[in-house]
N, C-alpha and C. Protein backbone atom coordinates (compact mmCIF):
# COMPACT_ATOMS: atom_id res chain seq x y z
N MET A 1 120.69 2.54 -92.12
CA MET A 1 121.09 1.37 -92.43
C MET A 1 122.24 0.86 -91.58
N THR A 2 123.17 1.75 -91.08
CA THR A 2 124.22 1.55 -90.41
C THR A 2 124.15 2.41 -89.00
N ASP A 3 124.88 1.98 -87.92
CA ASP A 3 125.00 2.85 -86.88
C ASP A 3 126.09 3.72 -86.90
N GLU A 4 126.40 4.56 -85.77
CA GLU A 4 127.39 5.59 -85.83
C GLU A 4 128.76 5.29 -86.19
N CYS A 5 129.15 3.84 -86.21
CA CYS A 5 130.37 3.28 -86.42
C CYS A 5 130.45 2.85 -87.82
N GLY A 6 129.26 2.83 -88.53
CA GLY A 6 129.24 2.20 -89.90
C GLY A 6 128.88 0.90 -90.01
N TYR A 7 128.44 0.24 -88.79
CA TYR A 7 128.25 -1.22 -88.71
C TYR A 7 126.80 -1.27 -89.05
N VAL A 8 126.17 -2.44 -89.73
CA VAL A 8 124.97 -2.89 -90.01
C VAL A 8 124.48 -3.54 -88.78
N SER A 9 123.14 -3.31 -88.38
CA SER A 9 122.52 -3.93 -87.20
C SER A 9 122.29 -5.33 -87.43
N LEU A 10 121.90 -6.08 -86.39
CA LEU A 10 121.71 -7.45 -86.38
C LEU A 10 120.35 -7.74 -86.93
N ALA A 11 119.37 -6.82 -86.74
CA ALA A 11 117.98 -6.77 -87.39
C ALA A 11 118.18 -6.75 -88.85
N ILE A 12 118.93 -5.94 -89.50
CA ILE A 12 119.05 -5.75 -90.98
C ILE A 12 119.75 -6.80 -91.43
N LEU A 13 120.61 -7.42 -90.71
CA LEU A 13 121.48 -8.66 -91.12
C LEU A 13 120.50 -9.98 -91.32
N GLU A 14 119.86 -9.91 -90.24
CA GLU A 14 118.86 -11.16 -90.24
C GLU A 14 117.70 -10.97 -91.15
N SER A 15 117.28 -9.75 -91.56
CA SER A 15 116.29 -9.51 -92.57
C SER A 15 116.84 -9.88 -93.93
N GLY A 16 118.11 -10.13 -94.13
CA GLY A 16 118.84 -10.42 -95.43
C GLY A 16 119.02 -11.98 -95.63
N LEU A 17 118.56 -12.65 -94.73
CA LEU A 17 118.86 -14.24 -94.82
C LEU A 17 118.13 -14.80 -96.06
N ASP A 18 116.96 -14.24 -96.34
CA ASP A 18 116.07 -14.81 -97.41
C ASP A 18 116.87 -14.65 -98.74
N VAL A 19 117.63 -13.54 -98.87
CA VAL A 19 118.42 -13.26 -100.15
C VAL A 19 119.52 -14.12 -100.22
N ILE A 20 120.21 -14.40 -99.03
CA ILE A 20 121.40 -15.20 -98.93
C ILE A 20 121.02 -16.49 -99.33
N ARG A 21 119.78 -16.98 -98.63
CA ARG A 21 119.52 -18.48 -99.07
C ARG A 21 119.04 -18.67 -100.34
N GLN A 22 118.78 -17.72 -101.06
CA GLN A 22 118.51 -17.72 -102.64
C GLN A 22 119.76 -17.92 -103.62
N ALA A 23 120.90 -17.91 -102.99
CA ALA A 23 122.05 -18.12 -103.73
C ALA A 23 122.04 -19.30 -104.49
N PRO A 24 122.59 -19.42 -105.77
CA PRO A 24 122.57 -20.72 -106.51
C PRO A 24 123.44 -21.83 -105.82
N GLY A 25 122.85 -22.99 -106.11
CA GLY A 25 123.68 -24.13 -105.44
C GLY A 25 124.74 -24.74 -106.20
N LEU A 26 124.40 -24.88 -107.49
CA LEU A 26 125.25 -25.76 -108.30
C LEU A 26 126.30 -24.93 -109.02
N HIS A 27 125.93 -23.64 -109.62
CA HIS A 27 127.02 -22.98 -110.37
C HIS A 27 126.56 -21.45 -110.03
N GLY A 28 127.59 -20.70 -109.92
CA GLY A 28 127.27 -19.16 -109.50
C GLY A 28 128.49 -18.56 -110.28
N THR A 29 128.82 -17.20 -109.79
CA THR A 29 129.92 -16.39 -110.42
C THR A 29 130.94 -15.94 -109.39
N LEU A 30 132.08 -15.77 -109.75
CA LEU A 30 133.12 -15.19 -109.12
C LEU A 30 132.99 -13.75 -109.24
N GLU A 31 132.71 -13.14 -108.09
CA GLU A 31 132.30 -11.62 -108.13
C GLU A 31 133.56 -10.83 -107.76
N LEU A 32 134.52 -11.28 -107.02
CA LEU A 32 135.73 -10.40 -106.70
C LEU A 32 136.81 -11.31 -106.26
N ILE A 33 137.99 -10.92 -106.70
CA ILE A 33 139.35 -11.59 -106.46
C ILE A 33 140.11 -10.62 -105.57
N VAL A 34 140.62 -11.17 -104.50
CA VAL A 34 141.54 -10.11 -103.60
C VAL A 34 142.58 -10.86 -103.21
N ARG A 35 143.87 -10.40 -103.55
CA ARG A 35 145.13 -10.62 -102.92
C ARG A 35 145.57 -9.83 -101.77
N ARG A 36 146.21 -10.67 -100.85
CA ARG A 36 146.70 -9.99 -99.82
C ARG A 36 148.18 -10.00 -99.67
N PRO A 37 148.86 -9.04 -100.34
CA PRO A 37 150.28 -9.14 -100.62
C PRO A 37 151.19 -9.05 -99.27
N GLY A 38 150.69 -8.37 -98.26
CA GLY A 38 151.22 -8.34 -96.92
C GLY A 38 150.22 -8.08 -95.85
N ALA A 39 150.77 -8.03 -94.70
CA ALA A 39 149.71 -7.79 -93.51
C ALA A 39 149.02 -6.48 -93.71
N GLY A 40 147.68 -6.70 -93.60
CA GLY A 40 146.71 -5.50 -93.72
C GLY A 40 146.69 -4.98 -95.16
N GLU A 41 147.29 -5.57 -96.06
CA GLU A 41 147.27 -4.99 -97.51
C GLU A 41 146.27 -5.72 -98.25
N ARG A 42 145.45 -5.08 -99.31
CA ARG A 42 144.39 -5.85 -100.15
C ARG A 42 144.71 -5.16 -101.37
N GLU A 43 144.76 -6.22 -102.42
CA GLU A 43 144.81 -5.76 -103.92
C GLU A 43 143.75 -6.54 -104.54
N VAL A 44 142.76 -5.68 -105.24
CA VAL A 44 141.54 -6.22 -105.99
C VAL A 44 142.28 -6.39 -107.34
N VAL A 45 141.86 -7.53 -107.93
CA VAL A 45 142.37 -7.86 -109.21
C VAL A 45 141.31 -8.47 -110.19
N GLY A 46 141.41 -8.29 -111.38
CA GLY A 46 140.38 -8.63 -112.34
C GLY A 46 140.65 -10.28 -112.63
N GLU A 47 141.92 -10.55 -112.53
CA GLU A 47 142.18 -12.03 -112.77
C GLU A 47 143.39 -12.54 -111.83
N GLY A 48 143.48 -13.78 -111.83
CA GLY A 48 144.55 -14.28 -110.88
C GLY A 48 144.94 -15.71 -111.43
N GLN A 49 145.93 -16.36 -110.75
CA GLN A 49 146.35 -17.50 -111.07
C GLN A 49 146.21 -18.34 -109.64
N LEU A 50 145.53 -19.51 -109.74
CA LEU A 50 145.49 -20.37 -108.49
C LEU A 50 146.53 -21.51 -108.81
N GLU A 51 147.41 -21.62 -107.71
CA GLU A 51 148.43 -22.81 -108.01
C GLU A 51 148.38 -23.76 -106.80
N VAL A 52 148.62 -24.97 -107.07
CA VAL A 52 148.59 -26.14 -106.04
C VAL A 52 149.48 -25.72 -104.94
N VAL A 53 150.60 -25.31 -105.03
CA VAL A 53 151.65 -25.09 -103.94
C VAL A 53 151.41 -23.54 -103.40
N GLU A 54 151.19 -22.73 -104.13
CA GLU A 54 151.19 -21.37 -103.89
C GLU A 54 149.84 -20.66 -103.37
N GLY A 55 148.77 -21.37 -103.69
CA GLY A 55 147.48 -20.81 -103.45
C GLY A 55 147.14 -19.80 -104.59
N LEU A 56 146.72 -18.68 -104.17
CA LEU A 56 146.41 -17.46 -105.21
C LEU A 56 147.80 -16.74 -105.36
N VAL A 57 148.33 -16.88 -106.59
CA VAL A 57 149.57 -16.13 -106.76
C VAL A 57 149.59 -14.64 -106.33
N GLY A 58 150.61 -14.32 -105.54
CA GLY A 58 150.53 -12.76 -105.32
C GLY A 58 150.03 -12.69 -103.91
N ASP A 59 149.39 -13.62 -103.24
CA ASP A 59 148.80 -13.57 -101.89
C ASP A 59 149.88 -14.01 -100.80
N SER A 60 149.78 -13.46 -99.74
CA SER A 60 150.79 -13.85 -98.74
C SER A 60 150.45 -15.00 -97.73
N TRP A 61 149.58 -15.90 -98.09
CA TRP A 61 149.12 -17.11 -97.46
C TRP A 61 150.45 -17.99 -97.08
N LYS A 62 151.11 -18.22 -97.93
CA LYS A 62 152.29 -19.29 -97.79
C LYS A 62 153.35 -18.61 -96.95
N ARG A 63 153.66 -17.37 -96.98
CA ARG A 63 154.64 -16.53 -96.34
C ARG A 63 153.94 -16.26 -94.88
N ARG A 64 153.01 -16.18 -94.81
CA ARG A 64 152.36 -15.83 -93.36
C ARG A 64 152.64 -16.91 -92.38
N GLY A 65 152.31 -18.26 -92.85
CA GLY A 65 152.48 -19.37 -92.09
C GLY A 65 151.13 -19.39 -91.24
N SER A 66 151.12 -20.37 -90.19
CA SER A 66 149.89 -20.65 -89.38
C SER A 66 150.41 -21.00 -87.95
N GLY A 67 149.59 -20.62 -87.02
CA GLY A 67 149.60 -21.14 -85.66
C GLY A 67 149.19 -22.58 -85.49
N ARG A 68 148.63 -23.03 -86.58
CA ARG A 68 147.77 -24.45 -86.44
C ARG A 68 148.80 -25.62 -87.05
N THR A 69 149.85 -25.22 -87.51
CA THR A 69 150.82 -26.22 -87.76
C THR A 69 151.90 -26.28 -86.89
N PRO A 70 152.63 -27.43 -86.65
CA PRO A 70 153.79 -27.58 -85.45
C PRO A 70 154.86 -26.80 -85.68
N ASP A 71 155.26 -26.48 -87.02
CA ASP A 71 156.36 -25.75 -87.27
C ASP A 71 156.11 -24.31 -87.79
N GLY A 72 154.81 -23.87 -87.62
CA GLY A 72 154.39 -22.51 -88.14
C GLY A 72 154.35 -22.26 -89.50
N SER A 73 154.56 -23.23 -90.30
CA SER A 73 154.42 -23.12 -91.82
C SER A 73 152.95 -22.94 -92.18
N ALA A 74 152.77 -22.53 -93.47
CA ALA A 74 151.34 -22.30 -94.02
C ALA A 74 150.63 -23.55 -93.91
N HIS A 75 149.43 -23.55 -93.44
CA HIS A 75 148.39 -24.69 -93.26
C HIS A 75 147.73 -24.92 -94.68
N PRO A 76 148.05 -26.16 -95.08
CA PRO A 76 147.67 -26.51 -96.42
C PRO A 76 146.08 -26.44 -96.62
N GLU A 77 145.25 -26.65 -95.41
CA GLU A 77 143.91 -26.59 -95.50
C GLU A 77 143.28 -25.24 -95.43
N LEU A 78 144.19 -24.39 -95.36
CA LEU A 78 143.69 -22.82 -95.06
C LEU A 78 144.21 -21.95 -96.25
N GLN A 79 144.53 -22.64 -97.39
CA GLN A 79 145.14 -21.83 -98.48
C GLN A 79 144.32 -20.96 -99.10
N LEU A 80 142.95 -21.10 -99.10
CA LEU A 80 142.06 -20.07 -99.89
C LEU A 80 140.86 -20.04 -99.24
N THR A 81 140.40 -18.70 -99.01
CA THR A 81 139.07 -18.52 -98.44
C THR A 81 137.99 -18.13 -99.64
N LEU A 82 136.80 -18.60 -99.34
CA LEU A 82 135.65 -18.09 -100.34
C LEU A 82 134.51 -17.54 -99.26
N MET A 83 133.96 -16.45 -99.86
CA MET A 83 132.88 -15.95 -99.03
C MET A 83 131.81 -15.75 -99.95
N ASN A 84 130.62 -16.00 -99.52
CA ASN A 84 129.36 -15.69 -100.42
C ASN A 84 129.11 -14.08 -100.54
N SER A 85 129.09 -13.78 -101.62
CA SER A 85 128.92 -12.22 -102.09
C SER A 85 127.79 -11.54 -101.57
N ARG A 86 126.73 -12.56 -101.39
CA ARG A 86 125.46 -11.94 -100.78
C ARG A 86 125.63 -11.54 -99.29
N VAL A 87 126.31 -12.30 -98.71
CA VAL A 87 126.63 -11.95 -97.29
C VAL A 87 127.45 -10.74 -97.15
N ILE A 88 128.45 -10.62 -97.88
CA ILE A 88 129.39 -9.49 -97.73
C ILE A 88 128.71 -8.31 -98.17
N ARG A 89 127.84 -8.39 -99.21
CA ARG A 89 127.01 -7.18 -99.77
C ARG A 89 126.26 -6.70 -98.44
N LEU A 90 125.73 -7.66 -97.85
CA LEU A 90 124.91 -7.03 -96.49
C LEU A 90 125.73 -6.47 -95.43
N LEU A 91 126.87 -7.18 -95.25
CA LEU A 91 127.74 -6.72 -94.07
C LEU A 91 128.46 -5.35 -94.54
N ALA A 92 128.76 -5.20 -95.89
CA ALA A 92 129.60 -3.96 -96.16
C ALA A 92 128.86 -3.51 -97.59
N PRO A 93 127.77 -2.75 -97.43
CA PRO A 93 126.86 -2.23 -98.63
C PRO A 93 127.89 -1.67 -99.56
N GLY A 94 129.05 -1.00 -99.25
CA GLY A 94 129.93 -0.37 -100.08
C GLY A 94 130.99 -1.40 -100.60
N PRO A 95 131.28 -1.74 -102.02
CA PRO A 95 132.13 -2.76 -102.40
C PRO A 95 133.71 -2.47 -102.05
N ASP A 96 133.89 -1.35 -101.61
CA ASP A 96 135.18 -0.91 -101.30
C ASP A 96 135.61 -1.52 -99.96
N ARG A 97 134.67 -1.82 -99.10
CA ARG A 97 134.85 -2.62 -97.78
C ARG A 97 134.91 -4.04 -97.87
N TRP A 98 134.58 -4.67 -99.01
CA TRP A 98 134.56 -6.03 -99.08
C TRP A 98 135.92 -6.74 -98.88
N PRO A 99 136.95 -6.15 -99.34
CA PRO A 99 138.34 -6.69 -99.25
C PRO A 99 138.78 -6.81 -97.72
N LEU A 100 138.21 -5.91 -96.96
CA LEU A 100 138.66 -5.99 -95.49
C LEU A 100 138.32 -7.26 -94.95
N ALA A 101 137.36 -8.21 -95.31
CA ALA A 101 136.88 -9.43 -94.81
C ALA A 101 138.17 -10.38 -94.69
N GLY A 102 139.13 -10.09 -95.70
CA GLY A 102 140.35 -10.96 -95.68
C GLY A 102 140.27 -12.19 -96.57
N ASP A 103 139.06 -12.44 -97.19
CA ASP A 103 138.97 -13.54 -97.99
C ASP A 103 139.64 -13.27 -99.45
N GLN A 104 139.85 -14.28 -100.16
CA GLN A 104 140.51 -14.07 -101.38
C GLN A 104 139.38 -13.93 -102.63
N LEU A 105 138.38 -14.92 -102.40
CA LEU A 105 137.43 -15.03 -103.45
C LEU A 105 136.06 -14.90 -102.82
N PHE A 106 135.29 -14.01 -103.52
CA PHE A 106 133.86 -13.71 -103.26
C PHE A 106 133.04 -14.16 -104.29
N VAL A 107 132.06 -15.12 -103.95
CA VAL A 107 131.29 -15.80 -105.12
C VAL A 107 129.82 -15.68 -104.76
N ASP A 108 129.10 -15.71 -105.87
CA ASP A 108 127.56 -15.66 -105.65
C ASP A 108 127.24 -17.27 -105.74
N LEU A 109 127.25 -17.84 -104.47
CA LEU A 109 127.05 -19.40 -104.36
C LEU A 109 126.57 -19.76 -103.07
N ASP A 110 125.70 -20.72 -103.09
CA ASP A 110 125.20 -21.23 -101.65
C ASP A 110 126.52 -22.00 -101.00
N LEU A 111 127.18 -21.43 -99.96
CA LEU A 111 128.29 -22.13 -99.43
C LEU A 111 127.98 -22.82 -98.15
N SER A 112 126.71 -23.08 -97.92
CA SER A 112 126.23 -23.81 -96.65
C SER A 112 127.01 -25.14 -96.43
N ALA A 113 127.03 -25.69 -95.25
CA ALA A 113 127.51 -26.89 -95.02
C ALA A 113 126.76 -28.03 -95.44
N ALA A 114 125.62 -27.88 -95.79
CA ALA A 114 124.75 -28.99 -96.49
C ALA A 114 125.11 -29.06 -98.15
N ASN A 115 125.36 -27.78 -98.47
CA ASN A 115 125.63 -27.84 -99.93
C ASN A 115 127.13 -28.17 -100.29
N PHE A 116 127.96 -27.48 -99.49
CA PHE A 116 129.36 -27.74 -99.74
C PHE A 116 130.15 -28.34 -98.41
N PRO A 117 129.99 -29.65 -98.26
CA PRO A 117 130.65 -30.34 -97.30
C PRO A 117 132.15 -30.46 -97.52
N ALA A 118 133.10 -30.68 -96.47
CA ALA A 118 134.46 -30.96 -96.81
C ALA A 118 134.65 -31.93 -97.92
N GLY A 119 135.61 -31.77 -98.74
CA GLY A 119 135.72 -32.74 -99.75
C GLY A 119 135.12 -32.45 -101.15
N THR A 120 134.00 -31.55 -101.01
CA THR A 120 133.50 -30.98 -102.24
C THR A 120 134.21 -30.25 -103.18
N ARG A 121 134.34 -30.45 -104.37
CA ARG A 121 135.18 -29.77 -105.37
C ARG A 121 134.45 -28.72 -106.28
N LEU A 122 135.23 -27.66 -106.52
CA LEU A 122 134.52 -26.53 -107.48
C LEU A 122 135.45 -26.31 -108.53
N SER A 123 135.03 -26.04 -109.67
CA SER A 123 135.74 -25.48 -110.73
C SER A 123 135.51 -23.96 -110.91
N ILE A 124 136.66 -23.23 -111.12
CA ILE A 124 136.59 -21.76 -111.25
C ILE A 124 137.57 -21.47 -112.55
N GLY A 125 137.04 -21.03 -113.37
CA GLY A 125 138.13 -20.76 -114.74
C GLY A 125 138.71 -22.18 -114.95
N GLY A 126 139.87 -22.11 -114.94
CA GLY A 126 140.73 -23.25 -115.45
C GLY A 126 141.28 -24.09 -114.03
N ALA A 127 140.77 -23.56 -112.90
CA ALA A 127 141.36 -24.27 -111.72
C ALA A 127 140.23 -25.02 -110.90
N VAL A 128 140.72 -26.01 -110.17
CA VAL A 128 139.70 -26.80 -109.32
C VAL A 128 140.19 -26.60 -107.91
N ILE A 129 139.36 -26.30 -106.97
CA ILE A 129 139.73 -26.27 -105.57
C ILE A 129 138.74 -27.22 -104.77
N GLU A 130 139.17 -27.50 -103.60
CA GLU A 130 138.26 -28.54 -102.77
C GLU A 130 138.11 -27.99 -101.34
N VAL A 131 136.90 -28.01 -100.82
CA VAL A 131 136.53 -27.39 -99.54
C VAL A 131 137.25 -28.48 -98.52
N THR A 132 137.83 -27.69 -97.59
CA THR A 132 138.55 -28.43 -96.48
C THR A 132 137.63 -28.19 -95.27
N PRO A 133 138.01 -29.20 -94.33
CA PRO A 133 137.09 -29.27 -93.05
C PRO A 133 137.27 -28.24 -91.88
N ILE A 134 138.24 -27.46 -91.93
CA ILE A 134 138.50 -26.54 -90.89
C ILE A 134 137.31 -25.29 -91.07
N PRO A 135 136.64 -25.09 -90.04
CA PRO A 135 135.63 -24.00 -90.31
C PRO A 135 136.27 -22.66 -90.47
N HIS A 136 135.59 -21.88 -91.07
CA HIS A 136 136.15 -20.44 -91.34
C HIS A 136 135.11 -19.51 -90.35
N THR A 137 135.65 -18.97 -89.34
CA THR A 137 134.77 -18.33 -88.34
C THR A 137 135.28 -16.89 -88.26
N GLY A 138 134.52 -15.90 -87.75
CA GLY A 138 134.71 -14.58 -87.61
C GLY A 138 135.67 -14.47 -86.39
N CYS A 139 136.63 -13.58 -86.40
CA CYS A 139 137.56 -13.24 -85.47
C CYS A 139 137.59 -11.79 -84.92
N LYS A 140 138.63 -11.47 -84.14
CA LYS A 140 138.75 -10.02 -83.70
C LYS A 140 139.04 -9.07 -84.75
N LYS A 141 139.70 -9.42 -85.85
CA LYS A 141 139.81 -8.44 -86.98
C LYS A 141 138.29 -8.20 -87.70
N PHE A 142 137.52 -9.29 -87.83
CA PHE A 142 136.31 -9.30 -88.45
C PHE A 142 135.45 -8.41 -87.63
N LEU A 143 135.45 -8.69 -86.29
CA LEU A 143 134.71 -7.73 -85.39
C LEU A 143 135.08 -6.25 -85.40
N ALA A 144 136.25 -5.96 -85.60
CA ALA A 144 136.72 -4.61 -85.70
C ALA A 144 136.42 -3.80 -87.00
N ARG A 145 136.18 -4.66 -88.12
CA ARG A 145 135.93 -4.30 -89.50
C ARG A 145 134.35 -4.10 -89.66
N TYR A 146 133.61 -5.04 -89.01
CA TYR A 146 132.17 -5.15 -89.44
C TYR A 146 131.25 -4.88 -88.15
N GLY A 147 131.89 -5.10 -86.92
CA GLY A 147 131.13 -4.80 -85.78
C GLY A 147 130.59 -6.08 -84.97
N PRO A 148 130.07 -5.84 -83.80
CA PRO A 148 129.61 -6.88 -82.79
C PRO A 148 128.39 -7.74 -83.56
N ASP A 149 127.52 -7.04 -84.04
CA ASP A 149 126.29 -7.70 -84.77
C ASP A 149 126.73 -8.54 -85.73
N ALA A 150 127.61 -8.19 -86.63
CA ALA A 150 128.15 -8.96 -87.85
C ALA A 150 128.80 -10.26 -87.37
N LEU A 151 129.55 -10.14 -86.31
CA LEU A 151 130.39 -11.30 -85.76
C LEU A 151 129.42 -12.20 -85.17
N GLN A 152 128.25 -11.73 -84.37
CA GLN A 152 127.26 -12.48 -83.81
C GLN A 152 126.52 -13.25 -85.01
N PHE A 153 126.21 -12.68 -86.06
CA PHE A 153 125.45 -13.08 -87.11
C PHE A 153 126.21 -14.24 -87.91
N VAL A 154 127.49 -14.04 -88.23
CA VAL A 154 128.27 -15.13 -88.86
C VAL A 154 128.58 -16.32 -88.01
N ASN A 155 128.86 -16.08 -86.75
CA ASN A 155 129.24 -17.16 -85.73
C ASN A 155 128.15 -17.92 -85.01
N SER A 156 126.96 -17.31 -85.28
CA SER A 156 125.77 -18.14 -84.60
C SER A 156 125.54 -19.37 -85.25
N PRO A 157 124.69 -20.20 -84.47
CA PRO A 157 124.56 -21.54 -85.11
C PRO A 157 124.12 -21.53 -86.47
N LEU A 158 123.15 -20.70 -86.65
CA LEU A 158 122.62 -20.62 -88.05
C LEU A 158 123.75 -20.28 -89.19
N GLY A 159 124.46 -19.29 -88.58
CA GLY A 159 125.54 -18.51 -89.35
C GLY A 159 126.59 -19.58 -89.77
N ARG A 160 126.88 -20.54 -88.79
CA ARG A 160 127.82 -21.51 -89.08
C ARG A 160 127.37 -22.73 -89.91
N GLU A 161 125.98 -22.89 -89.80
CA GLU A 161 125.42 -23.87 -90.74
C GLU A 161 125.34 -23.39 -92.19
N LEU A 162 125.15 -22.20 -92.39
CA LEU A 162 125.06 -21.58 -93.71
C LEU A 162 126.49 -21.07 -94.07
N ASN A 163 127.59 -21.26 -93.41
CA ASN A 163 128.84 -20.84 -93.67
C ASN A 163 128.85 -19.43 -94.02
N LEU A 164 128.18 -18.61 -93.38
CA LEU A 164 128.13 -17.07 -93.63
C LEU A 164 129.42 -16.43 -93.64
N ARG A 165 130.45 -16.96 -92.82
CA ARG A 165 131.75 -16.38 -92.90
C ARG A 165 132.51 -16.85 -93.96
N GLY A 166 132.11 -18.00 -94.48
CA GLY A 166 132.82 -18.40 -95.60
C GLY A 166 133.28 -19.83 -95.45
N ILE A 167 134.24 -20.26 -96.34
CA ILE A 167 134.72 -21.62 -96.22
C ILE A 167 136.18 -21.52 -96.62
N ASN A 168 136.96 -22.56 -95.93
CA ASN A 168 138.21 -22.75 -96.48
C ASN A 168 138.51 -23.85 -97.32
N SER A 169 139.59 -23.64 -98.26
CA SER A 169 139.68 -24.63 -99.44
C SER A 169 141.11 -24.65 -99.70
N LYS A 170 141.54 -25.67 -100.75
CA LYS A 170 142.85 -25.65 -101.27
C LYS A 170 142.56 -25.97 -102.75
N VAL A 171 143.77 -25.68 -103.36
CA VAL A 171 143.90 -25.79 -104.85
C VAL A 171 144.24 -27.21 -105.29
N ILE A 172 143.60 -27.71 -106.14
CA ILE A 172 143.71 -29.25 -106.47
C ILE A 172 144.33 -29.22 -107.89
N GLN A 173 143.96 -28.25 -108.54
CA GLN A 173 144.32 -28.19 -109.98
C GLN A 173 144.70 -26.70 -110.35
N SER A 174 145.78 -26.37 -110.74
CA SER A 174 146.24 -25.06 -111.02
C SER A 174 145.45 -24.47 -112.33
N GLY A 175 145.25 -23.10 -112.28
CA GLY A 175 144.69 -22.73 -113.38
C GLY A 175 144.38 -21.02 -113.13
N ALA A 176 144.05 -20.42 -114.42
CA ALA A 176 143.80 -19.01 -114.31
C ALA A 176 142.32 -18.86 -113.91
N ILE A 177 142.12 -17.76 -113.15
CA ILE A 177 140.64 -17.42 -112.92
C ILE A 177 140.53 -15.96 -113.37
N ARG A 178 139.21 -15.53 -113.58
CA ARG A 178 138.81 -14.13 -113.76
C ARG A 178 137.57 -13.68 -113.15
N THR A 179 137.52 -12.46 -112.91
CA THR A 179 136.11 -11.97 -112.25
C THR A 179 135.05 -12.32 -113.30
N ARG A 180 134.07 -12.79 -112.77
CA ARG A 180 132.78 -13.12 -113.62
C ARG A 180 132.90 -14.60 -114.02
N ASP A 181 134.00 -15.27 -113.87
CA ASP A 181 134.05 -16.63 -114.26
C ASP A 181 132.88 -17.47 -113.53
N ILE A 182 132.49 -18.56 -114.06
CA ILE A 182 131.35 -19.43 -113.66
C ILE A 182 132.21 -20.21 -112.65
N VAL A 183 131.62 -20.36 -111.28
CA VAL A 183 131.96 -21.27 -110.32
C VAL A 183 131.10 -22.64 -110.20
N ARG A 184 131.49 -23.66 -110.54
CA ARG A 184 130.71 -24.78 -110.68
C ARG A 184 131.01 -25.95 -109.70
N LYS A 185 130.03 -26.41 -108.93
CA LYS A 185 130.16 -27.51 -108.06
C LYS A 185 130.23 -28.74 -108.83
N LEU A 186 131.38 -29.61 -108.50
CA LEU A 186 131.79 -30.75 -109.37
C LEU A 186 131.22 -31.96 -108.68
């Protein structure tokens, strides 16, 4: 299934597209919550708190800042990232490697651009988030963690259309979230 580096081949990734396309469109489940307390650190938690100003409480998003803002402060449109759990399951068959993707929320939900255009809102537990327009694409870190075929897969035209790398969002209503919560398109 994987090459000598532990990477999944493009042929296997492409063979999983049908399963990815079968993800539910209106409501799914929150499969994993990951906080990033510091650079390169990951903390899997069973529950978390989403806050309008802070994002995922305990995550370093706000402290890290962004090169996309004039003053280097945290970009409000990049507060929270979601990734389809069917995609990460294909890229990293072992769940211990899911957090390496760097996303905070892994959901069983169709995150395609057609289903979740910018401005779409989702409820998760007691919180509400909104999809932002900035694309979430694979980068050098993603390449190092999942390999060149995975990067090609998520950044391809189809990969971008389906948002295989995931989506960016921001918190609109603060609230508690838990693994296995229902994620609903509003």
